[in-house]
Protein backbone atom coordinates (compact mmCIF):
# COMPACT_ATOMS: atom_id res chain seq x y z
CA MET A 1 -9.24 -3.27 30.29
CA LEU A 2 -10.77 -5.25 27.47
CA ARG A 3 -8.20 -4.16 25.04
CA ALA A 4 -5.41 -5.12 27.63
CA CYS A 5 -6.91 -8.42 28.17
CA LEU A 6 -7.23 -8.99 24.44
CA ILE A 7 -3.52 -7.98 23.94
CA SER A 8 -2.26 -10.38 26.66
CA ALA A 9 -4.30 -13.22 25.19
CA LEU A 10 -2.81 -12.53 21.85
CA ALA A 11 0.74 -12.22 23.36
CA LEU A 12 0.58 -15.25 25.35
CA PRO A 13 1.90 -18.05 22.68
CA ALA A 14 4.75 -15.58 21.77
CA LEU A 15 5.86 -15.07 25.58
CA LEU A 16 5.40 -18.13 27.67
CA THR A 17 7.78 -20.70 28.56
CA PRO A 18 6.42 -24.24 28.86
CA ALA A 19 5.40 -23.82 32.63
CA LEU A 20 2.79 -21.40 32.67
CA ALA A 21 2.66 -21.09 36.21
CA GLU A 22 6.43 -19.81 36.44
CA THR A 23 5.68 -16.78 34.08
CA GLN A 24 4.43 -13.63 35.32
CA LEU A 25 2.92 -11.28 32.61
CA THR A 26 2.36 -7.83 32.97
CA THR A 27 0.55 -5.23 30.73
CA TYR A 28 1.12 -1.53 30.57
CA ARG A 29 -0.25 1.21 28.39
CA TYR A 30 1.72 3.85 26.98
CA ALA A 31 1.11 7.36 25.71
CA CYS A 32 3.26 8.69 22.92
CA GLU A 33 3.84 11.92 21.02
CA GLY A 34 1.32 12.38 18.39
CA ASP A 35 -1.50 11.10 20.29
CA VAL A 36 -0.63 7.60 19.84
CA THR A 37 -1.39 4.93 22.55
CA PHE A 38 -0.51 1.18 22.70
CA TRP A 39 0.10 -1.64 24.91
CA VAL A 40 3.06 -3.77 25.74
CA VAL A 41 3.00 -7.22 27.74
CA TYR A 42 6.06 -8.04 29.64
CA ALA A 43 6.97 -11.50 30.62
CA VAL A 44 9.46 -12.63 33.55
CA ASP A 45 9.97 -16.24 34.26
CA GLU A 46 11.39 -17.74 37.35
CA ALA A 47 14.84 -17.52 36.04
CA GLY A 48 14.58 -13.94 35.51
CA GLY A 49 14.23 -14.31 31.70
CA GLY A 50 11.48 -12.99 29.59
CA GLY A 51 10.83 -10.56 26.97
CA ALA A 52 8.09 -7.99 25.62
CA VAL A 53 5.35 -7.89 23.17
CA VAL A 54 4.83 -4.56 21.54
CA ALA A 55 1.04 -4.17 20.16
CA LEU A 56 1.08 -1.04 17.84
CA ASP A 57 -0.81 -0.33 14.83
CA ASP A 58 -2.43 -3.71 14.52
CA ARG A 59 1.08 -5.33 14.84
CA LEU A 60 2.78 -7.50 17.38
CA TRP A 61 6.61 -7.56 17.85
CA GLN A 62 8.18 -10.01 19.85
CA LEU A 63 11.41 -8.68 21.68
CA ASP A 64 14.14 -10.21 23.68
CA PRO A 65 15.79 -8.48 26.78
CA VAL A 66 19.13 -6.91 25.73
CA PRO A 67 21.80 -5.15 27.95
CA ALA A 68 21.06 -1.81 28.81
CA ALA A 69 23.35 0.76 30.48
CA SER A 70 20.23 1.65 32.40
CA GLY A 71 16.61 0.74 32.41
CA ALA A 72 15.19 -2.01 30.48
CA ARG A 73 15.83 -2.58 26.69
CA TYR A 74 14.44 -5.04 24.27
CA ALA A 75 15.21 -5.89 20.81
CA GLY A 76 13.86 -7.92 17.95
CA GLY A 77 10.64 -7.69 15.81
CA GLU A 78 10.25 -9.52 12.47
CA ASP A 79 13.31 -7.95 11.15
CA GLY A 80 15.20 -7.81 14.20
CA ARG A 81 15.50 -3.95 14.21
CA ILE A 82 12.78 -2.87 16.65
CA ILE A 83 14.15 -1.43 20.06
CA TRP A 84 11.99 -0.90 23.04
CA TRP A 85 13.73 0.99 25.81
CA THR A 86 12.27 2.06 29.22
CA GLN A 87 13.36 4.01 32.08
CA GLY A 88 10.96 4.46 34.80
CA GLU A 89 7.84 5.85 33.59
CA ASP A 90 9.65 7.04 30.15
CA ALA A 91 10.10 4.92 27.11
CA MET A 92 11.25 5.05 23.80
CA LEU A 93 10.58 2.95 20.32
CA LEU A 94 13.55 3.07 18.58
CA ARG A 95 14.36 1.33 14.72
CA ALA A 96 18.02 0.46 14.30
CA GLU A 97 19.60 0.30 10.79
CA ASN A 98 23.04 0.11 9.30
CA GLY A 99 24.53 0.52 13.07
CA GLN A 100 22.34 3.37 13.77
CA GLU A 101 19.37 3.81 16.19
CA THR A 102 16.71 6.35 15.17
CA VAL A 103 13.95 7.29 17.65
CA VAL A 104 10.73 6.58 16.15
CA MET A 105 8.40 7.96 19.30
CA THR A 106 9.05 8.93 23.01
CA CYS A 107 6.11 7.54 25.23
CA VAL A 108 5.37 7.82 29.07
CA ASP A 109 3.59 4.82 31.10
CA SER A 110 0.09 5.80 31.17
CA TYR A 111 -1.27 2.83 33.35
């Protein structure tokens, strides 16, 4: 729980709109292949906009929502090539290069 609060606090500046009261933050913990676990903070504002911050290996990636055929999909990161895609409890971290998307790891929401 302490780690979730820490990640939420670190992610706040990257996620929040000027009106804090109008933004809802939700933190999820994901368990991935290779015994990797990490946190994702999702923000949704009153207008339905928002984003996600992925906290993995002492790095924070701020991702913006992008269209998805199903589920929720976010893209961005420091080089714009990180993709986080969720469908229900399942999720994938992908990396985009030269028009191709490569799965980095598959995960499941572990609340």
